[in-house]
């Protein structure tokens, strides 16, 4: 699953706070790389990423938190990547394990994982 980086020796750099660190059970999407990623988790606006992402500057260099529904996962991933996200955490609509599928994901170069609704709500 996605894991934020540990704080540097001596604590976090000025102006940057490590609020929480968690390891959650997640499932990689069938598209995008299956590599580790870390960053500040930022909820996409709109939450379903079912239209262009309005808070792109906030996602730049961070991990996008996107809810399931509305449009295919690959559309959501492409929108997050276009906004500069380094990874995507999809929040399922229930607590079942679900594999984020779609087309083969050509052009998606950010890792994407799915977490349960309960875990996703804890992240929000």
Protein backbone atom coordinates (compact mmCIF):
# COMPACT_ATOMS: atom_id res chain seq x y z
CA UNK A 1 0.00 0.00 0.00
CA UNK A 2 0.88 3.66 -0.04
CA UNK A 3 3.10 4.78 2.83
CA UNK A 4 4.25 8.32 3.60
CA UNK A 5 7.99 8.84 4.00
CA UNK A 6 9.43 8.86 7.51
CA UNK A 7 10.37 12.26 8.94
CA UNK A 8 14.00 13.28 8.43
CA UNK A 9 16.41 12.94 11.37
CA UNK A 10 15.70 15.66 13.88
CA UNK A 11 12.07 16.01 12.84
CA UNK A 12 10.24 17.53 9.93
CA UNK A 13 11.64 20.44 7.94
CA UNK A 14 10.33 23.92 8.87
CA UNK A 15 6.83 24.54 7.55
CA UNK A 16 6.19 20.85 6.98
CA UNK A 17 4.43 18.66 9.52
CA UNK A 18 4.12 14.90 9.56
CA UNK A 19 0.58 14.53 10.89
CA UNK A 20 0.17 10.79 10.65
CA UNK A 21 1.74 7.76 9.10
CA UNK A 22 -0.23 4.66 8.24
CA UNK A 23 0.06 1.47 6.31
CA UNK A 24 -3.23 0.32 4.83
CA UNK A 25 -4.25 -2.76 2.93
CA UNK A 26 -4.54 -1.74 -0.69
CA UNK A 27 -4.71 -3.32 -4.12
CA UNK A 28 -2.76 -1.94 -7.09
CA UNK A 29 -4.82 -1.01 -10.14
CA UNK A 30 -4.38 -3.06 -13.31
CA UNK A 31 -2.97 0.08 -14.98
CA UNK A 32 -0.03 2.28 -14.06
CA UNK A 33 3.22 1.21 -12.42
CA UNK A 34 3.20 -1.01 -9.35
CA UNK A 35 5.73 0.99 -7.42
CA UNK A 36 5.83 2.51 -3.96
CA UNK A 37 4.82 6.14 -3.64
CA UNK A 38 4.62 8.69 -0.88
CA UNK A 39 3.43 12.21 -0.39
CA UNK A 40 0.85 14.36 1.27
CA UNK A 41 -2.65 12.98 0.69
CA UNK A 42 -4.90 15.59 -0.95
CA UNK A 43 -8.60 15.02 -1.66
CA UNK A 44 -9.41 15.71 -5.30
CA UNK A 45 -12.01 18.34 -6.06
CA UNK A 46 -14.47 17.13 -7.24
CA UNK A 47 -14.15 14.02 -5.01
CA UNK A 48 -15.06 11.61 -7.86
CA UNK A 49 -12.73 13.36 -10.35
CA UNK A 50 -15.69 13.09 -12.72
CA UNK A 51 -14.77 16.43 -14.28
CA UNK A 52 -11.52 18.37 -14.56
CA UNK A 53 -9.74 18.60 -11.21
CA UNK A 54 -10.21 22.09 -9.77
CA UNK A 55 -7.50 21.89 -7.10
CA UNK A 56 -4.64 20.91 -9.38
CA UNK A 57 -2.05 23.16 -7.70
CA UNK A 58 -2.72 21.37 -4.37
CA UNK A 59 -2.21 17.96 -6.02
CA UNK A 60 1.12 18.93 -7.60
CA UNK A 61 3.74 16.55 -6.15
CA UNK A 62 1.22 14.94 -3.79
CA UNK A 63 -1.03 11.87 -3.70
CA UNK A 64 -4.61 12.30 -4.93
CA UNK A 65 -7.44 10.80 -2.87
CA UNK A 66 -10.33 10.04 -5.24
CA UNK A 67 -13.66 8.34 -4.53
CA UNK A 68 -15.02 5.53 -6.70
CA UNK A 69 -17.91 6.29 -9.07
CA UNK A 70 -18.97 8.50 -11.94
CA UNK A 71 -16.28 7.79 -14.53
CA UNK A 72 -13.76 4.99 -15.23
CA UNK A 73 -10.73 4.69 -12.96
CA UNK A 74 -8.39 5.36 -15.88
CA UNK A 75 -10.10 8.72 -16.52
CA UNK A 76 -9.65 9.60 -12.84
CA UNK A 77 -5.99 8.53 -12.90
CA UNK A 78 -5.25 10.56 -16.03
CA UNK A 79 -6.87 13.64 -14.52
CA UNK A 80 -4.84 13.27 -11.31
CA UNK A 81 -1.61 12.74 -13.25
CA UNK A 82 -2.34 15.76 -15.45
CA UNK A 83 -2.73 17.80 -12.25
CA UNK A 84 0.74 16.65 -11.15
CA UNK A 85 -0.14 13.95 -8.59
CA UNK A 86 2.61 11.39 -7.88
CA UNK A 87 0.12 8.65 -6.99
CA UNK A 88 -3.58 7.97 -6.60
CA UNK A 89 -5.53 6.35 -3.77
CA UNK A 90 -9.02 5.35 -4.89
CA UNK A 91 -11.60 4.99 -2.11
CA UNK A 92 -14.03 2.13 -2.69
CA UNK A 93 -17.76 2.68 -2.17
CA UNK A 94 -17.91 -0.19 0.36
CA UNK A 95 -15.57 -2.30 2.46
CA UNK A 96 -14.95 -5.05 -0.06
CA UNK A 97 -11.63 -5.56 -1.81
CA UNK A 98 -11.95 -4.27 -5.36
CA UNK A 99 -9.49 -4.14 -8.21
CA UNK A 100 -9.47 -0.82 -10.07
CA UNK A 101 -9.80 -1.79 -13.71
CA UNK A 102 -10.27 -0.02 -17.00
CA UNK A 103 -8.43 0.08 -20.28
CA UNK A 104 -4.81 -1.00 -20.15
CA UNK A 105 -3.96 2.52 -19.03
CA UNK A 106 -1.65 3.74 -21.80
CA UNK A 107 0.06 6.89 -20.67
CA UNK A 108 -0.70 6.46 -16.96
CA UNK A 109 2.66 6.79 -15.25
CA UNK A 110 1.55 7.18 -11.64
CA UNK A 111 0.87 4.24 -9.31
CA UNK A 112 -2.76 3.77 -8.29
CA UNK A 113 -4.23 1.73 -5.45
CA UNK A 114 -7.69 1.01 -4.06
CA UNK A 115 -8.57 1.07 -0.35
CA UNK A 116 -11.81 0.19 1.43
CA UNK A 117 -14.40 2.84 2.23
CA UNK A 118 -13.60 2.62 5.96
CA UNK A 119 -9.85 3.11 5.38
CA UNK A 120 -10.50 5.88 2.86
CA UNK A 121 -12.80 7.75 5.23
CA UNK A 122 -10.13 7.50 7.94
CA UNK A 123 -7.72 9.19 5.53
CA UNK A 124 -10.09 12.05 4.79
